[in-house]
Amino acid sequence: MLVMSKVALCVLLLTGAGLFVRTLSNLSNLNPGFNPKQLLIFSVDASRSGYEEARLTGLYERIRLKLGEIPGVQAVTLSSTTLVANSMNNTSVYLPGEKYVVGKERSAYNMHVGSNFLSVMGIPLREGRDIGERDTASSARVAIVNEAFVKEFFGGRGAIGMQFTTATPGREKPEPPIEIVGVCGNAKYDSMKRETPAT
């Protein structure tokens, strides 16, 4: 009886290991939409140490510059959300002429990114430009949207130069308009297994 139990346990463990290996193999064959080779992605949350607003932004910029000085590092960028790390941030999106009605929102995923985000991540730029050094908190509000966003909100039509507004759920008024300056390829956002959302 003991031998049968051990055999059954071994079969169960081998089956589980086989399924795990197959899952890893399937995930490695998926295209994330960015270039994962020689790429290091990590998270830092300095807000837990009391940094806020301008101090927080300044700290992240200093970290970016210091990392860029490390021998062998080719480029460094920032983002408010770590890709394929099961974290996400979304917001309500309104096109010009659409009425802002709480509870009737269409939403898209979003992230705030640093300069040259697309080129550092290896996400293909389809039209327009990448985020640059001139795009700051005090400059005109601009965005790069992915192809899924263009399909969902513009029916696949050209989006460069178009504007939209965002709103945090529950707020009474939307934010100031944002101009689309670039369209990029679809890249996985929170999970390798999910379809790429409008971002």
N, C-alpha and C. Protein backbone atom coordinates (compact mmCIF):
# COMPACT_ATOMS: atom_id res chain seq x y z
N MET A 1 0.82 -1.21 0.00
CA MET A 1 0.00 0.00 0.00
C MET A 1 0.86 1.27 0.00
N LEU A 2 1.95 1.22 0.79
CA LEU A 2 2.86 2.35 0.86
C LEU A 2 3.53 2.59 -0.49
N VAL A 3 3.91 1.49 -1.17
CA VAL A 3 4.55 1.60 -2.49
C VAL A 3 3.58 2.25 -3.48
N MET A 4 2.32 1.83 -3.45
CA MET A 4 1.31 2.41 -4.36
C MET A 4 1.13 3.90 -4.10
N SER A 5 1.14 4.30 -2.84
CA SER A 5 0.99 5.72 -2.50
C SER A 5 2.16 6.53 -3.04
N LYS A 6 3.38 5.99 -2.91
CA LYS A 6 4.57 6.68 -3.40
C LYS A 6 4.54 6.80 -4.92
N VAL A 7 4.12 5.72 -5.59
CA VAL A 7 4.02 5.75 -7.05
C VAL A 7 3.00 6.80 -7.49
N ALA A 8 1.85 6.83 -6.82
CA ALA A 8 0.80 7.80 -7.15
C ALA A 8 1.30 9.22 -6.94
N LEU A 9 2.03 9.45 -5.83
CA LEU A 9 2.57 10.77 -5.55
C LEU A 9 3.60 11.18 -6.61
N CYS A 10 4.46 10.24 -7.01
CA CYS A 10 5.46 10.52 -8.05
C CYS A 10 4.79 10.88 -9.38
N VAL A 11 3.75 10.13 -9.74
CA VAL A 11 3.02 10.41 -10.99
C VAL A 11 2.39 11.80 -10.93
N LEU A 12 1.82 12.14 -9.78
CA LEU A 12 1.20 13.46 -9.60
C LEU A 12 2.24 14.58 -9.74
N LEU A 13 3.40 14.40 -9.08
CA LEU A 13 4.46 15.41 -9.16
C LEU A 13 5.02 15.54 -10.57
N LEU A 14 5.21 14.43 -11.25
CA LEU A 14 5.72 14.47 -12.62
C LEU A 14 4.73 15.15 -13.57
N THR A 15 3.44 14.87 -13.37
CA THR A 15 2.42 15.51 -14.20
C THR A 15 2.42 17.02 -13.97
N GLY A 16 2.49 17.41 -12.70
CA GLY A 16 2.53 18.84 -12.37
C GLY A 16 3.76 19.52 -12.96
N ALA A 17 4.91 18.86 -12.86
CA ALA A 17 6.14 19.42 -13.42
C ALA A 17 6.04 19.54 -14.93
N GLY A 18 5.45 18.53 -15.58
CA GLY A 18 5.28 18.58 -17.03
C GLY A 18 4.39 19.73 -17.46
N LEU A 19 3.29 19.95 -16.73
CA LEU A 19 2.39 21.07 -17.05
C LEU A 19 3.09 22.41 -16.83
N PHE A 20 3.90 22.51 -15.78
CA PHE A 20 4.64 23.73 -15.50
C PHE A 20 5.63 24.04 -16.63
N VAL A 21 6.37 23.02 -17.07
CA VAL A 21 7.34 23.21 -18.15
C VAL A 21 6.63 23.61 -19.44
N ARG A 22 5.47 22.99 -19.72
CA ARG A 22 4.72 23.35 -20.93
C ARG A 22 4.23 24.78 -20.87
N THR A 23 3.75 25.22 -19.69
CA THR A 23 3.30 26.61 -19.52
C THR A 23 4.46 27.58 -19.76
N LEU A 24 5.64 27.27 -19.19
CA LEU A 24 6.81 28.13 -19.40
C LEU A 24 7.19 28.19 -20.87
N SER A 25 7.11 27.05 -21.53
CA SER A 25 7.44 27.00 -22.96
C SER A 25 6.45 27.84 -23.77
N ASN A 26 5.17 27.71 -23.45
CA ASN A 26 4.15 28.49 -24.16
C ASN A 26 4.35 29.99 -23.95
N LEU A 27 4.65 30.40 -22.71
CA LEU A 27 4.86 31.81 -22.41
C LEU A 27 6.11 32.35 -23.12
N SER A 28 7.15 31.52 -23.22
CA SER A 28 8.38 31.99 -23.87
C SER A 28 8.17 32.18 -25.38
N ASN A 29 7.15 31.54 -25.94
CA ASN A 29 6.87 31.69 -27.37
C ASN A 29 5.94 32.86 -27.67
N LEU A 30 5.36 33.47 -26.63
CA LEU A 30 4.49 34.63 -26.84
C LEU A 30 5.33 35.87 -27.13
N ASN A 31 4.83 36.72 -28.00
CA ASN A 31 5.51 37.98 -28.30
C ASN A 31 4.99 39.04 -27.33
N PRO A 32 5.87 39.59 -26.46
CA PRO A 32 5.39 40.58 -25.49
C PRO A 32 5.16 41.96 -26.11
N GLY A 33 5.64 42.17 -27.35
CA GLY A 33 5.49 43.48 -27.97
C GLY A 33 6.62 44.43 -27.64
N PHE A 34 7.55 43.99 -26.78
CA PHE A 34 8.75 44.76 -26.50
C PHE A 34 9.93 43.78 -26.53
N ASN A 35 11.14 44.32 -26.53
CA ASN A 35 12.33 43.46 -26.63
C ASN A 35 12.86 43.13 -25.24
N PRO A 36 12.65 41.89 -24.76
CA PRO A 36 13.08 41.54 -23.41
C PRO A 36 14.57 41.22 -23.28
N LYS A 37 15.29 41.17 -24.40
CA LYS A 37 16.71 40.79 -24.36
C LYS A 37 17.55 41.91 -23.75
N GLN A 38 18.42 41.53 -22.84
CA GLN A 38 19.32 42.46 -22.15
C GLN A 38 18.55 43.63 -21.53
N LEU A 39 17.39 43.32 -21.00
CA LEU A 39 16.52 44.33 -20.40
C LEU A 39 16.33 44.01 -18.93
N LEU A 40 16.56 44.97 -18.06
CA LEU A 40 16.32 44.81 -16.64
C LEU A 40 15.18 45.74 -16.25
N ILE A 41 14.12 45.16 -15.71
CA ILE A 41 12.96 45.95 -15.25
C ILE A 41 12.83 45.72 -13.75
N PHE A 42 12.71 46.80 -12.99
CA PHE A 42 12.52 46.66 -11.55
C PHE A 42 11.67 47.83 -11.04
N SER A 43 11.15 47.68 -9.83
CA SER A 43 10.27 48.70 -9.23
C SER A 43 10.95 49.37 -8.04
N VAL A 44 10.70 50.66 -7.91
CA VAL A 44 11.13 51.45 -6.76
C VAL A 44 9.94 52.32 -6.37
N ASP A 45 9.52 52.27 -5.11
CA ASP A 45 8.42 53.12 -4.65
C ASP A 45 8.91 54.02 -3.53
N ALA A 46 9.45 55.18 -3.91
CA ALA A 46 10.02 56.11 -2.93
C ALA A 46 8.94 56.85 -2.15
N SER A 47 7.68 56.77 -2.60
CA SER A 47 6.60 57.44 -1.86
C SER A 47 6.45 56.83 -0.46
N ARG A 48 6.86 55.58 -0.31
CA ARG A 48 6.80 54.93 1.02
C ARG A 48 7.82 55.52 1.99
N SER A 49 8.80 56.23 1.45
CA SER A 49 9.81 56.88 2.29
C SER A 49 9.52 58.37 2.47
N GLY A 50 8.32 58.79 2.11
CA GLY A 50 7.90 60.17 2.34
C GLY A 50 8.10 61.12 1.18
N TYR A 51 8.63 60.64 0.05
CA TYR A 51 8.80 61.51 -1.12
C TYR A 51 7.44 61.75 -1.77
N GLU A 52 7.20 63.00 -2.17
CA GLU A 52 5.94 63.36 -2.81
C GLU A 52 6.19 64.32 -3.97
N GLU A 53 5.31 64.29 -4.93
CA GLU A 53 5.25 65.23 -6.06
C GLU A 53 6.61 65.59 -6.64
N ALA A 54 7.04 66.86 -6.55
CA ALA A 54 8.28 67.31 -7.21
C ALA A 54 9.50 66.59 -6.64
N ARG A 55 9.54 66.37 -5.33
CA ARG A 55 10.67 65.65 -4.72
C ARG A 55 10.73 64.22 -5.24
N LEU A 56 9.57 63.59 -5.41
CA LEU A 56 9.51 62.22 -5.89
C LEU A 56 9.98 62.14 -7.34
N THR A 57 9.49 63.05 -8.18
CA THR A 57 9.90 63.10 -9.58
C THR A 57 11.39 63.37 -9.70
N GLY A 58 11.90 64.29 -8.89
CA GLY A 58 13.34 64.61 -8.90
C GLY A 58 14.19 63.42 -8.50
N LEU A 59 13.75 62.68 -7.49
CA LEU A 59 14.50 61.49 -7.06
C LEU A 59 14.57 60.46 -8.18
N TYR A 60 13.44 60.19 -8.81
CA TYR A 60 13.42 59.21 -9.90
C TYR A 60 14.32 59.64 -11.06
N GLU A 61 14.34 60.93 -11.34
CA GLU A 61 15.21 61.42 -12.41
C GLU A 61 16.68 61.25 -12.04
N ARG A 62 17.03 61.52 -10.77
CA ARG A 62 18.42 61.32 -10.33
C ARG A 62 18.81 59.84 -10.41
N ILE A 63 17.88 58.95 -10.04
CA ILE A 63 18.15 57.51 -10.15
C ILE A 63 18.37 57.13 -11.61
N ARG A 64 17.54 57.66 -12.51
CA ARG A 64 17.68 57.37 -13.94
C ARG A 64 19.06 57.80 -14.45
N LEU A 65 19.48 59.00 -14.08
CA LEU A 65 20.77 59.51 -14.54
C LEU A 65 21.93 58.68 -13.98
N LYS A 66 21.84 58.31 -12.70
CA LYS A 66 22.90 57.50 -12.08
C LYS A 66 22.99 56.12 -12.73
N LEU A 67 21.84 55.50 -13.00
CA LEU A 67 21.85 54.19 -13.66
C LEU A 67 22.47 54.28 -15.05
N GLY A 68 22.23 55.39 -15.74
CA GLY A 68 22.78 55.58 -17.07
C GLY A 68 24.29 55.72 -17.07
N GLU A 69 24.90 56.03 -15.91
CA GLU A 69 26.36 56.17 -15.80
C GLU A 69 27.07 54.84 -15.56
N ILE A 70 26.32 53.78 -15.26
CA ILE A 70 26.92 52.47 -15.00
C ILE A 70 27.51 51.92 -16.30
N PRO A 71 28.77 51.48 -16.27
CA PRO A 71 29.38 50.92 -17.49
C PRO A 71 28.55 49.76 -18.05
N GLY A 72 28.34 49.78 -19.35
CA GLY A 72 27.58 48.71 -20.01
C GLY A 72 26.11 49.03 -20.17
N VAL A 73 25.59 49.99 -19.41
CA VAL A 73 24.19 50.36 -19.54
C VAL A 73 24.05 51.23 -20.79
N GLN A 74 23.17 50.82 -21.70
CA GLN A 74 23.00 51.55 -22.96
C GLN A 74 21.97 52.67 -22.85
N ALA A 75 20.88 52.43 -22.12
CA ALA A 75 19.82 53.44 -21.99
C ALA A 75 18.96 53.12 -20.78
N VAL A 76 18.35 54.16 -20.22
CA VAL A 76 17.49 54.01 -19.04
C VAL A 76 16.25 54.87 -19.26
N THR A 77 15.10 54.35 -18.86
CA THR A 77 13.88 55.15 -18.89
C THR A 77 13.06 54.84 -17.65
N LEU A 78 11.96 55.51 -17.50
CA LEU A 78 11.09 55.35 -16.33
C LEU A 78 9.66 55.05 -16.78
N SER A 79 8.91 54.39 -15.91
CA SER A 79 7.47 54.25 -16.14
C SER A 79 6.78 54.09 -14.79
N SER A 80 5.55 54.54 -14.72
CA SER A 80 4.81 54.48 -13.46
C SER A 80 4.26 53.08 -13.19
N THR A 81 4.23 52.24 -14.21
CA THR A 81 3.73 50.87 -14.07
C THR A 81 4.76 49.93 -14.65
N THR A 82 5.05 48.84 -13.94
CA THR A 82 6.00 47.84 -14.43
C THR A 82 5.27 46.88 -15.36
N LEU A 83 5.76 46.76 -16.59
CA LEU A 83 5.10 45.88 -17.57
C LEU A 83 5.15 44.42 -17.12
N VAL A 84 4.11 43.69 -17.48
CA VAL A 84 3.90 42.26 -17.20
C VAL A 84 4.26 41.87 -15.77
N ALA A 85 3.85 42.70 -14.82
CA ALA A 85 4.09 42.43 -13.40
C ALA A 85 2.77 42.37 -12.63
N ASN A 86 1.68 42.10 -13.34
CA ASN A 86 0.34 42.01 -12.73
C ASN A 86 -0.07 43.29 -12.01
N SER A 87 0.44 44.42 -12.49
CA SER A 87 -0.01 45.70 -11.96
C SER A 87 -0.59 46.50 -13.11
N MET A 88 -1.59 47.31 -12.81
CA MET A 88 -2.23 48.08 -13.87
C MET A 88 -2.79 49.37 -13.31
N ASN A 89 -3.04 50.29 -14.24
CA ASN A 89 -3.65 51.57 -13.90
C ASN A 89 -4.54 51.94 -15.09
N ASN A 90 -5.79 52.24 -14.83
CA ASN A 90 -6.64 52.65 -15.94
C ASN A 90 -7.38 53.94 -15.61
N THR A 91 -7.91 54.55 -16.67
CA THR A 91 -8.58 55.83 -16.52
C THR A 91 -9.71 55.92 -17.53
N SER A 92 -10.70 56.73 -17.26
CA SER A 92 -11.79 56.97 -18.20
C SER A 92 -11.29 57.88 -19.32
N VAL A 93 -11.71 57.61 -20.54
CA VAL A 93 -11.26 58.36 -21.72
C VAL A 93 -12.46 58.96 -22.43
N TYR A 94 -12.35 60.25 -22.81
CA TYR A 94 -13.41 60.94 -23.54
C TYR A 94 -12.81 61.62 -24.76
N LEU A 95 -13.45 61.44 -25.88
CA LEU A 95 -13.05 62.13 -27.11
C LEU A 95 -13.78 63.47 -27.17
N PRO A 96 -13.26 64.43 -27.96
CA PRO A 96 -13.94 65.73 -28.07
C PRO A 96 -15.40 65.54 -28.47
N GLY A 97 -16.28 66.25 -27.80
CA GLY A 97 -17.71 66.17 -28.10
C GLY A 97 -18.45 65.13 -27.29
N GLU A 98 -17.73 64.20 -26.66
CA GLU A 98 -18.40 63.22 -25.82
C GLU A 98 -18.71 63.84 -24.47
N LYS A 99 -19.92 63.61 -24.00
CA LYS A 99 -20.34 64.19 -22.73
C LYS A 99 -19.76 63.37 -21.57
N TYR A 100 -19.30 64.09 -20.56
CA TYR A 100 -18.74 63.47 -19.37
C TYR A 100 -19.88 63.06 -18.45
N VAL A 101 -20.14 61.77 -18.37
CA VAL A 101 -21.23 61.26 -17.53
C VAL A 101 -20.65 60.18 -16.63
N VAL A 102 -20.72 60.40 -15.32
CA VAL A 102 -20.21 59.41 -14.36
C VAL A 102 -21.00 58.11 -14.53
N GLY A 103 -20.30 57.01 -14.63
CA GLY A 103 -20.93 55.70 -14.79
C GLY A 103 -21.06 55.26 -16.24
N LYS A 104 -20.78 56.14 -17.20
CA LYS A 104 -20.90 55.80 -18.63
C LYS A 104 -19.53 55.89 -19.32
N GLU A 105 -18.48 55.67 -18.55
CA GLU A 105 -17.13 55.87 -19.08
C GLU A 105 -16.66 54.70 -19.94
N ARG A 106 -15.80 55.04 -20.92
CA ARG A 106 -14.98 54.04 -21.60
C ARG A 106 -13.60 54.22 -21.01
N SER A 107 -12.89 53.14 -20.79
CA SER A 107 -11.59 53.29 -20.14
C SER A 107 -10.47 52.69 -20.96
N ALA A 108 -9.26 53.12 -20.61
CA ALA A 108 -8.04 52.60 -21.21
C ALA A 108 -6.98 52.48 -20.12
N TYR A 109 -6.06 51.57 -20.31
CA TYR A 109 -4.92 51.46 -19.39
C TYR A 109 -3.99 52.64 -19.66
N ASN A 110 -3.22 53.03 -18.66
CA ASN A 110 -2.28 54.12 -18.87
C ASN A 110 -1.05 53.95 -18.00
N MET A 111 -0.02 54.67 -18.35
CA MET A 111 1.19 54.77 -17.54
C MET A 111 1.89 56.07 -17.89
N HIS A 112 2.54 56.66 -16.92
CA HIS A 112 3.39 57.81 -17.17
C HIS A 112 4.78 57.27 -17.45
N VAL A 113 5.42 57.78 -18.49
CA VAL A 113 6.73 57.24 -18.88
C VAL A 113 7.76 58.35 -19.04
N GLY A 114 9.01 57.95 -18.96
CA GLY A 114 10.12 58.87 -19.16
C GLY A 114 10.50 58.97 -20.62
N SER A 115 11.50 59.80 -20.88
CA SER A 115 11.92 60.04 -22.26
C SER A 115 12.46 58.75 -22.89
N ASN A 116 12.21 58.64 -24.19
CA ASN A 116 12.67 57.51 -25.00
C ASN A 116 12.16 56.15 -24.52
N PHE A 117 10.99 56.14 -23.91
CA PHE A 117 10.44 54.90 -23.36
C PHE A 117 10.32 53.82 -24.44
N LEU A 118 9.76 54.18 -25.59
CA LEU A 118 9.55 53.19 -26.64
C LEU A 118 10.87 52.62 -27.15
N SER A 119 11.84 53.48 -27.41
CA SER A 119 13.10 52.98 -27.97
C SER A 119 13.85 52.14 -26.95
N VAL A 120 13.83 52.52 -25.67
CA VAL A 120 14.51 51.72 -24.64
C VAL A 120 13.86 50.36 -24.49
N MET A 121 12.53 50.32 -24.51
CA MET A 121 11.81 49.06 -24.34
C MET A 121 11.74 48.22 -25.62
N GLY A 122 12.09 48.83 -26.74
CA GLY A 122 12.01 48.09 -28.00
C GLY A 122 10.59 47.93 -28.49
N ILE A 123 9.71 48.88 -28.13
CA ILE A 123 8.33 48.87 -28.62
C ILE A 123 8.31 49.65 -29.93
N PRO A 124 7.82 49.04 -31.01
CA PRO A 124 7.88 49.74 -32.31
C PRO A 124 6.99 50.98 -32.36
N LEU A 125 7.55 52.06 -32.88
CA LEU A 125 6.80 53.29 -33.11
C LEU A 125 6.21 53.20 -34.51
N ARG A 126 4.90 53.26 -34.62
CA ARG A 126 4.24 53.14 -35.92
C ARG A 126 4.09 54.49 -36.62
N GLU A 127 3.78 55.53 -35.83
CA GLU A 127 3.61 56.89 -36.37
C GLU A 127 4.02 57.89 -35.31
N GLY A 128 4.41 59.09 -35.75
CA GLY A 128 4.68 60.17 -34.81
C GLY A 128 6.03 60.04 -34.14
N ARG A 129 6.07 60.37 -32.84
CA ARG A 129 7.33 60.43 -32.11
C ARG A 129 7.22 59.77 -30.74
N ASP A 130 8.39 59.51 -30.16
CA ASP A 130 8.50 58.98 -28.81
C ASP A 130 8.38 60.14 -27.82
N ILE A 131 8.22 59.83 -26.55
CA ILE A 131 8.27 60.84 -25.50
C ILE A 131 9.73 61.31 -25.39
N GLY A 132 9.94 62.63 -25.27
CA GLY A 132 11.29 63.18 -25.24
C GLY A 132 11.57 64.00 -24.00
N GLU A 133 12.77 64.54 -23.93
CA GLU A 133 13.19 65.35 -22.79
C GLU A 133 12.32 66.60 -22.63
N ARG A 134 11.77 67.10 -23.76
CA ARG A 134 10.96 68.33 -23.69
C ARG A 134 9.58 68.09 -23.08
N ASP A 135 9.17 66.83 -22.97
CA ASP A 135 7.86 66.49 -22.41
C ASP A 135 7.98 66.36 -20.90
N THR A 136 7.56 67.40 -20.21
CA THR A 136 7.69 67.45 -18.75
C THR A 136 6.32 67.73 -18.13
N ALA A 137 6.30 67.76 -16.81
CA ALA A 137 5.05 68.04 -16.09
C ALA A 137 4.52 69.43 -16.39
N SER A 138 5.40 70.35 -16.80
CA SER A 138 4.97 71.72 -17.06
C SER A 138 4.74 72.02 -18.55
N SER A 139 5.02 71.06 -19.43
CA SER A 139 4.81 71.29 -20.87
C SER A 139 3.40 70.85 -21.28
N ALA A 140 3.08 71.01 -22.55
CA ALA A 140 1.77 70.58 -23.05
C ALA A 140 1.60 69.08 -22.80
N ARG A 141 0.37 68.68 -22.52
CA ARG A 141 0.10 67.27 -22.21
C ARG A 141 0.03 66.47 -23.51
N VAL A 142 0.88 65.44 -23.59
CA VAL A 142 0.94 64.61 -24.80
C VAL A 142 0.87 63.14 -24.41
N ALA A 143 0.52 62.32 -25.40
CA ALA A 143 0.44 60.88 -25.17
C ALA A 143 0.85 60.11 -26.41
N ILE A 144 1.35 58.92 -26.17
CA ILE A 144 1.52 57.93 -27.22
C ILE A 144 0.49 56.86 -26.92
N VAL A 145 -0.25 56.46 -27.91
CA VAL A 145 -1.28 55.44 -27.73
C VAL A 145 -0.90 54.21 -28.55
N ASN A 146 -1.40 53.05 -28.12
CA ASN A 146 -1.08 51.85 -28.89
C ASN A 146 -2.15 51.60 -29.97
N GLU A 147 -1.89 50.63 -30.81
CA GLU A 147 -2.80 50.33 -31.92
C GLU A 147 -4.17 49.88 -31.42
N ALA A 148 -4.21 49.22 -30.27
CA ALA A 148 -5.51 48.81 -29.69
C ALA A 148 -6.34 50.03 -29.32
N PHE A 149 -5.69 51.08 -28.81
CA PHE A 149 -6.37 52.33 -28.47
C PHE A 149 -6.93 52.98 -29.73
N VAL A 150 -6.13 53.06 -30.78
CA VAL A 150 -6.57 53.67 -32.04
C VAL A 150 -7.77 52.92 -32.59
N LYS A 151 -7.74 51.60 -32.52
CA LYS A 151 -8.86 50.79 -33.02
C LYS A 151 -10.12 51.03 -32.20
N GLU A 152 -9.97 51.04 -30.87
CA GLU A 152 -11.15 51.17 -30.00
C GLU A 152 -11.75 52.56 -30.02
N PHE A 153 -10.91 53.60 -30.00
CA PHE A 153 -11.43 54.96 -29.85
C PHE A 153 -11.55 55.73 -31.17
N PHE A 154 -10.80 55.32 -32.19
CA PHE A 154 -10.83 56.04 -33.46
C PHE A 154 -11.19 55.14 -34.64
N GLY A 155 -11.62 53.93 -34.35
CA GLY A 155 -12.01 53.00 -35.42
C GLY A 155 -10.88 52.69 -36.37
N GLY A 156 -9.63 52.78 -35.89
CA GLY A 156 -8.47 52.48 -36.73
C GLY A 156 -7.99 53.65 -37.57
N ARG A 157 -8.73 54.78 -37.55
CA ARG A 157 -8.32 55.97 -38.32
C ARG A 157 -7.08 56.60 -37.70
N GLY A 158 -6.44 57.49 -38.46
CA GLY A 158 -5.26 58.20 -37.96
C GLY A 158 -5.56 58.94 -36.67
N ALA A 159 -4.66 58.80 -35.71
CA ALA A 159 -4.89 59.43 -34.41
C ALA A 159 -3.91 60.55 -34.09
N ILE A 160 -2.84 60.69 -34.87
CA ILE A 160 -1.84 61.73 -34.59
C ILE A 160 -2.50 63.10 -34.66
N GLY A 161 -2.27 63.91 -33.62
CA GLY A 161 -2.84 65.25 -33.56
C GLY A 161 -4.22 65.30 -32.93
N MET A 162 -4.86 64.14 -32.76
CA MET A 162 -6.18 64.09 -32.11
C MET A 162 -6.01 64.30 -30.61
N GLN A 163 -7.09 64.73 -29.97
CA GLN A 163 -7.05 64.96 -28.53
C GLN A 163 -8.08 64.09 -27.83
N PHE A 164 -7.82 63.86 -26.54
CA PHE A 164 -8.79 63.20 -25.68
C PHE A 164 -8.60 63.74 -24.28
N THR A 165 -9.55 63.48 -23.41
CA THR A 165 -9.42 63.86 -22.01
C THR A 165 -9.58 62.61 -21.16
N THR A 166 -9.05 62.66 -19.96
CA THR A 166 -9.18 61.55 -19.03
C THR A 166 -9.87 62.04 -17.77
N ALA A 167 -10.41 61.11 -17.03
CA ALA A 167 -11.06 61.46 -15.77
C ALA A 167 -10.91 60.31 -14.79
N THR A 168 -10.59 60.65 -13.56
CA THR A 168 -10.53 59.65 -12.51
C THR A 168 -11.95 59.31 -12.10
N PRO A 169 -12.29 58.00 -11.99
CA PRO A 169 -13.66 57.64 -11.61
C PRO A 169 -14.11 58.36 -10.34
N GLY A 170 -15.32 58.92 -10.39
CA GLY A 170 -15.89 59.62 -9.25
C GLY A 170 -15.65 61.12 -9.24
N ARG A 171 -14.70 61.61 -10.07
CA ARG A 171 -14.47 63.05 -10.13
C ARG A 171 -15.53 63.71 -10.99
N GLU A 172 -15.83 64.95 -10.69
CA GLU A 172 -16.89 65.63 -11.41
C GLU A 172 -16.45 66.19 -12.76
N LYS A 173 -15.16 66.50 -12.92
CA LYS A 173 -14.69 67.11 -14.16
C LYS A 173 -13.52 66.33 -14.73
N PRO A 174 -13.42 66.25 -16.06
CA PRO A 174 -12.26 65.59 -16.66
C PRO A 174 -11.02 66.47 -16.56
N GLU A 175 -9.88 65.85 -16.80
CA GLU A 175 -8.60 66.57 -16.81
C GLU A 175 -8.48 67.40 -18.09
N PRO A 176 -7.48 68.30 -18.19
CA PRO A 176 -7.26 69.06 -19.44
C PRO A 176 -6.95 68.12 -20.60
N PRO A 177 -7.15 68.58 -21.84
CA PRO A 177 -6.94 67.71 -23.01
C PRO A 177 -5.50 67.23 -23.16
N ILE A 178 -5.37 66.07 -23.79
CA ILE A 178 -4.07 65.46 -24.08
C ILE A 178 -4.00 65.26 -25.59
N GLU A 179 -2.88 65.65 -26.21
CA GLU A 179 -2.72 65.47 -27.65
C GLU A 179 -1.92 64.20 -27.95
N ILE A 180 -2.39 63.43 -28.91
CA ILE A 180 -1.69 62.22 -29.32
C ILE A 180 -0.55 62.60 -30.26
N VAL A 181 0.69 62.27 -29.86
CA VAL A 181 1.86 62.61 -30.68
C VAL A 181 2.52 61.37 -31.28
N GLY A 182 2.06 60.19 -30.87
CA GLY A 182 2.65 58.96 -31.39
C GLY A 182 1.71 57.79 -31.27
N VAL A 183 1.89 56.83 -32.17
CA VAL A 183 1.15 55.56 -32.11
C VAL A 183 2.20 54.45 -32.12
N CYS A 184 2.09 53.54 -31.17
CA CYS A 184 3.06 52.45 -31.07
C CYS A 184 2.38 51.10 -31.25
N GLY A 185 3.20 50.08 -31.44
CA GLY A 185 2.68 48.72 -31.54
C GLY A 185 2.11 48.28 -30.20
N ASN A 186 1.31 47.25 -30.22
CA ASN A 186 0.73 46.71 -28.99
C ASN A 186 1.79 45.95 -28.20
N ALA A 187 1.93 46.28 -26.93
CA ALA A 187 2.84 45.57 -26.03
C ALA A 187 2.03 45.06 -24.84
N LYS A 188 2.37 43.90 -24.35
CA LYS A 188 1.68 43.35 -23.19
C LYS A 188 1.79 44.33 -22.04
N TYR A 189 0.73 44.42 -21.25
CA TYR A 189 0.70 45.43 -20.18
C TYR A 189 0.88 44.76 -18.81
N ASP A 190 -0.17 44.15 -18.29
CA ASP A 190 -0.09 43.57 -16.95
C ASP A 190 0.22 42.09 -16.94
N SER A 191 -0.08 41.40 -18.04
CA SER A 191 0.08 39.94 -18.07
C SER A 191 0.41 39.47 -19.47
N MET A 192 1.25 38.46 -19.56
CA MET A 192 1.58 37.87 -20.86
C MET A 192 0.38 37.11 -21.41
N LYS A 193 -0.52 36.66 -20.54
CA LYS A 193 -1.63 35.81 -20.98
C LYS A 193 -2.81 36.61 -21.54
N ARG A 194 -2.93 37.87 -21.13
CA ARG A 194 -4.08 38.68 -21.57
C ARG A 194 -3.82 39.35 -22.90
N GLU A 195 -4.90 39.59 -23.64
CA GLU A 195 -4.79 40.40 -24.85
C GLU A 195 -4.35 41.81 -24.46
N THR A 196 -3.61 42.46 -25.33
CA THR A 196 -3.15 43.82 -25.03
C THR A 196 -4.32 44.79 -25.03
N PRO A 197 -4.53 45.50 -23.92
CA PRO A 197 -5.65 46.44 -23.84
C PRO A 197 -5.32 47.77 -24.53
N ALA A 198 -6.35 48.54 -24.80
CA ALA A 198 -6.15 49.93 -25.26
C ALA A 198 -5.34 50.65 -24.19
N THR A 199 -4.22 51.25 -24.60
CA THR A 199 -3.30 51.86 -23.63
C THR A 199 -2.83 53.21 -24.13
